[in-house]
Amino acid sequence: MSSPLVVLVHGAWHGAWCWAPLQTELDRRGIASLAVDLPGHGSTGAPFTDLHGDAAAVIEVLESQAALGRTAPVLVGHSYGGAVITEVASRHPDVSHLVFLAAFALQKDESVMSALTSMPPREVGLSAAMRPGPDGTTVLDPVAAVPALYGSCDAAVVEAAVKRLSPQPMATMVQAVTGSPLDTIASTYVVCTEDDAVHPDHQAIMAERCTHTVTMHTDHSPFASMTVETAEVLERIARS
């Protein structure tokens, strides 16, 4: 029996481009993957939207894949992408497994911001890197973003990544998910212990909501800093 498609959903300020090294490693292992650009990010020409609009874009991809016979994918979300895959699975439950990479594993009626404020306060470097824009978006300071997001990554990888960061609509952070798919769909949380964007203590709280937990001693971007190890986790899930 062939393994399911792995669908990769990026986090805030990023695009499908961030998954390229991981996809190469998954290809080497014979694991098919597809990385999605959320509206307004990466190479998509679509305008920015909110959390529900981002989820709708992913659902459209899943439905197009289902029409080709590729059903029940492994759905992977990084950071804010965890909120997206939570909403996707609430509305499109044909998912075999949810994977949260240092991500927001939310429950019904929670948003990214409400989840953060419900947990014990913790300081992270990402807060100092954020710059509000006049159009309802935030951007990241290219210098402060490096230790917050890519503290364990190779310098050349960081240099390329920072140049591709894009604005992020604040609406995506305050809109709540409409369901709790973690109650019915198997899930894995990957805790990144050196993360300076989503605090490891907060990750540990959200990991308790998931079926399985994996710990990586790395930064907020394990797809770049521990590419082989991240691929091993996803291969194990896809083949199980």
Protein backbone atom coordinates (compact mmCIF):
# COMPACT_ATOMS: atom_id res chain seq x y z
CA MET A 1 0.00 0.00 0.00
CA SER A 2 1.42 3.39 -0.97
CA SER A 3 1.92 6.09 1.65
CA PRO A 4 -0.44 9.10 1.67
CA LEU A 5 0.46 12.47 0.22
CA VAL A 6 2.09 14.84 2.72
CA VAL A 7 0.63 18.34 2.42
CA LEU A 8 2.79 21.10 3.90
CA VAL A 9 1.31 24.39 5.16
CA HIS A 10 3.73 27.19 6.00
CA GLY A 11 3.55 29.64 8.88
CA ALA A 12 3.23 33.41 9.09
CA TRP A 13 5.45 35.59 6.86
CA HIS A 14 6.63 32.52 4.92
CA GLY A 15 5.63 30.68 1.75
CA ALA A 16 5.79 27.25 0.21
CA TRP A 17 9.45 28.02 -0.56
CA CYS A 18 10.45 27.27 3.06
CA TRP A 19 9.68 23.57 2.58
CA ALA A 20 12.04 23.02 -0.38
CA PRO A 21 14.91 21.31 1.51
CA LEU A 22 12.46 19.07 3.36
CA GLN A 23 10.65 18.13 0.14
CA THR A 24 13.96 17.15 -1.42
CA GLU A 25 14.67 14.87 1.54
CA LEU A 26 11.14 13.41 1.42
CA ASP A 27 11.59 12.74 -2.31
CA ARG A 28 14.79 10.86 -1.53
CA ARG A 29 12.74 8.63 0.77
CA GLY A 30 9.95 8.08 -1.75
CA ILE A 31 7.44 10.18 0.21
CA ALA A 32 5.33 12.40 -2.05
CA SER A 33 4.68 15.92 -0.74
CA LEU A 34 2.95 19.08 -1.85
CA ALA A 35 3.65 22.53 -0.38
CA VAL A 36 0.87 25.11 -0.43
CA ASP A 37 1.29 28.88 -0.80
CA LEU A 38 -1.32 30.58 1.39
CA PRO A 39 -3.06 33.57 -0.26
CA GLY A 40 -0.74 36.58 -0.56
CA HIS A 41 2.41 34.57 0.15
CA GLY A 42 5.15 33.06 -1.97
CA SER A 43 4.33 32.98 -5.67
CA THR A 44 0.53 33.15 -5.39
CA GLY A 45 -1.13 36.19 -6.91
CA ALA A 46 -4.15 35.94 -4.61
CA PRO A 47 -4.76 38.77 -2.12
CA PHE A 48 -4.19 38.34 1.60
CA THR A 49 -7.10 36.90 3.53
CA ASP A 50 -7.88 35.69 7.06
CA LEU A 51 -7.55 32.32 8.81
CA HIS A 52 -10.74 30.97 7.24
CA GLY A 53 -9.66 32.16 3.80
CA ASP A 54 -6.29 30.49 4.25
CA ALA A 55 -8.03 27.26 5.25
CA ALA A 56 -10.30 27.50 2.21
CA ALA A 57 -7.24 27.73 -0.05
CA VAL A 58 -5.80 24.54 1.46
CA ILE A 59 -9.15 22.76 1.21
CA GLU A 60 -9.27 23.65 -2.48
CA VAL A 61 -5.89 21.95 -2.92
CA LEU A 62 -7.05 18.87 -0.99
CA GLU A 63 -10.20 18.61 -3.06
CA SER A 64 -8.24 18.86 -6.31
CA GLN A 65 -5.94 16.09 -5.08
CA ALA A 66 -8.91 13.96 -4.01
CA ALA A 67 -10.30 14.25 -7.53
CA LEU A 68 -7.07 12.59 -8.67
CA GLY A 69 -7.53 9.79 -6.15
CA ARG A 70 -5.12 11.19 -3.54
CA THR A 71 -7.23 11.09 -0.40
CA ALA A 72 -6.58 11.13 3.36
CA PRO A 73 -3.30 13.10 3.29
CA VAL A 74 -0.94 13.74 6.17
CA LEU A 75 -1.47 17.43 6.88
CA VAL A 76 1.54 19.33 8.29
CA GLY A 77 1.41 22.85 9.71
CA HIS A 78 4.30 25.01 10.87
CA SER A 79 3.74 27.75 13.46
CA TYR A 80 0.61 29.71 12.41
CA GLY A 81 0.08 26.94 9.85
CA GLY A 82 -1.06 24.79 12.77
CA ALA A 83 -4.12 27.02 13.14
CA VAL A 84 -4.74 26.66 9.40
CA ILE A 85 -4.60 22.86 9.39
CA THR A 86 -6.84 22.78 12.48
CA GLU A 87 -9.50 24.74 10.60
CA VAL A 88 -8.95 22.69 7.44
CA ALA A 89 -9.51 19.43 9.29
CA SER A 90 -12.57 20.89 11.03
CA ARG A 91 -14.18 21.47 7.64
CA HIS A 92 -12.53 18.71 5.58
CA PRO A 93 -12.00 15.73 7.91
CA ASP A 94 -10.60 13.41 5.21
CA VAL A 95 -7.14 13.67 6.77
CA SER A 96 -5.15 10.68 8.02
CA HIS A 97 -2.86 12.54 10.45
CA LEU A 98 -2.21 16.10 11.65
CA VAL A 99 1.39 17.16 12.32
CA PHE A 100 2.19 20.36 14.21
CA LEU A 101 5.76 21.65 13.81
CA ALA A 102 6.26 24.18 16.62
CA ALA A 103 2.69 25.09 15.71
CA PHE A 104 -0.64 26.22 17.10
CA ALA A 105 -2.74 23.14 17.87
CA LEU A 106 -6.01 24.86 18.66
CA GLN A 107 -9.37 23.82 20.07
CA LYS A 108 -12.78 25.01 18.92
CA ASP A 109 -13.29 28.79 19.30
CA GLU A 110 -9.60 29.47 19.95
CA SER A 111 -7.46 31.80 17.86
CA VAL A 112 -3.68 32.13 17.87
CA MET A 113 -3.91 35.19 20.10
CA SER A 114 -6.55 33.81 22.47
CA ALA A 115 -4.51 30.61 22.87
CA LEU A 116 -1.39 32.62 23.70
CA THR A 117 -3.17 34.79 26.26
CA SER A 118 -4.73 31.73 27.93
CA MET A 119 -1.29 30.27 28.68
CA PRO A 120 1.28 31.49 31.21
CA PRO A 121 3.10 34.54 29.77
CA ARG A 122 6.48 33.89 28.18
CA GLU A 123 8.83 36.25 26.35
CA VAL A 124 10.07 35.35 22.86
CA GLY A 125 12.36 37.20 20.46
CA LEU A 126 9.72 37.16 17.73
CA SER A 127 7.74 39.84 19.56
CA ALA A 128 10.60 42.33 19.20
CA ALA A 129 10.98 41.48 15.51
CA MET A 130 7.39 42.33 14.53
CA ARG A 131 6.62 45.70 12.95
CA PRO A 132 2.97 46.76 12.42
CA GLY A 133 2.01 48.16 9.04
CA PRO A 134 -0.70 50.75 8.22
CA ASP A 135 -2.66 48.18 6.19
CA GLY A 136 -3.45 45.68 8.94
CA THR A 137 -0.37 43.54 8.33
CA THR A 138 2.87 43.02 10.18
CA VAL A 139 6.37 42.60 8.77
CA LEU A 140 9.50 41.26 10.42
CA ASP A 141 12.67 43.23 11.00
CA PRO A 142 15.21 41.30 8.90
CA VAL A 143 17.88 41.45 11.59
CA ALA A 144 15.75 40.59 14.63
CA ALA A 145 13.95 37.85 12.69
CA VAL A 146 17.11 35.76 12.34
CA PRO A 147 17.58 34.62 15.97
CA ALA A 148 13.81 34.43 16.49
CA LEU A 149 13.15 32.10 13.56
CA TYR A 150 16.43 30.60 12.38
CA GLY A 151 18.78 30.45 15.36
CA SER A 152 20.12 26.97 14.54
CA CYS A 153 20.13 27.26 10.74
CA ASP A 154 23.07 27.51 8.35
CA ALA A 155 23.99 31.13 7.56
CA ALA A 156 23.46 30.74 3.82
CA VAL A 157 19.98 29.28 4.38
CA VAL A 158 19.12 32.18 6.67
CA GLU A 159 20.33 34.77 4.16
CA ALA A 160 18.08 33.35 1.45
CA ALA A 161 15.08 32.89 3.74
CA VAL A 162 15.03 36.43 5.14
CA LYS A 163 14.87 37.89 1.64
CA ARG A 164 11.65 35.97 0.94
CA LEU A 165 9.68 36.87 4.06
CA SER A 166 6.39 38.62 3.31
CA PRO A 167 3.82 40.67 5.28
CA GLN A 168 1.29 38.80 7.41
CA PRO A 169 -2.33 39.94 7.95
CA MET A 170 -3.14 40.39 11.64
CA ALA A 171 -6.66 39.07 10.95
CA THR A 172 -5.15 35.60 10.69
CA MET A 173 -4.09 35.76 14.33
CA VAL A 174 -7.38 36.77 15.91
CA GLN A 175 -9.90 34.64 14.01
CA ALA A 176 -11.01 31.47 15.81
CA VAL A 177 -11.13 27.94 14.46
CA THR A 178 -14.59 26.39 14.19
CA GLY A 179 -13.89 22.84 15.36
CA SER A 180 -11.65 20.51 17.37
CA PRO A 181 -10.37 17.87 14.94
CA LEU A 182 -7.79 16.71 17.48
CA ASP A 183 -10.68 14.89 19.15
CA THR A 184 -11.10 12.57 16.17
CA ILE A 185 -7.93 12.65 14.00
CA ALA A 186 -4.56 11.21 15.05
CA SER A 187 -1.93 13.89 15.59
CA THR A 188 1.74 14.46 16.33
CA TYR A 189 3.26 17.56 17.91
CA VAL A 190 6.93 18.36 17.28
CA VAL A 191 8.25 20.45 20.17
CA CYS A 192 11.31 22.56 19.32
CA THR A 193 13.17 23.23 22.55
CA GLU A 194 15.33 26.13 21.28
CA ASP A 195 12.42 28.02 19.72
CA ASP A 196 12.37 31.82 20.18
CA ALA A 197 9.12 32.37 18.27
CA VAL A 198 6.61 30.00 19.88
CA HIS A 199 7.87 29.40 23.39
CA PRO A 200 8.69 25.75 24.18
CA ASP A 201 6.53 25.95 27.33
CA HIS A 202 3.55 26.92 25.19
CA GLN A 203 4.38 24.16 22.73
CA ALA A 204 4.40 21.63 25.57
CA ILE A 205 0.91 22.71 26.61
CA MET A 206 -0.43 22.30 23.08
CA ALA A 207 1.41 19.02 22.62
CA GLU A 208 -0.70 17.57 25.44
CA ARG A 209 -3.69 17.93 23.12
CA CYS A 210 -2.11 15.66 20.51
CA THR A 211 -1.83 11.88 20.23
CA HIS A 212 1.97 11.78 20.02
CA THR A 213 4.84 14.14 20.87
CA VAL A 214 8.31 14.34 19.31
CA THR A 215 11.03 16.57 20.78
CA MET A 216 13.72 18.25 18.68
CA HIS A 217 16.52 20.32 20.18
CA THR A 218 16.44 23.03 17.57
CA ASP A 219 15.01 26.42 16.58
CA HIS A 220 11.61 27.45 15.16
CA SER A 221 12.43 26.12 11.68
CA PRO A 222 13.19 22.38 11.93
CA PHE A 223 12.49 21.92 8.21
CA ALA A 224 15.70 23.90 7.61
CA SER A 225 17.78 23.29 10.76
CA MET A 226 17.06 19.56 11.18
CA THR A 227 15.84 18.61 7.73
CA VAL A 228 16.77 14.92 7.85
CA GLU A 229 15.29 14.43 11.30
CA THR A 230 12.05 16.19 10.32
CA ALA A 231 11.80 14.03 7.21
CA GLU A 232 12.28 10.93 9.38
CA VAL A 233 9.32 11.96 11.54
CA LEU A 234 7.09 12.55 8.53
CA GLU A 235 8.20 9.36 6.79
CA ARG A 236 7.39 7.32 9.90
CA ILE A 237 3.92 8.89 10.08
CA ALA A 238 3.24 8.51 6.36
CA ARG A 239 4.25 4.85 6.32
CA SER A 240 2.39 3.90 9.50
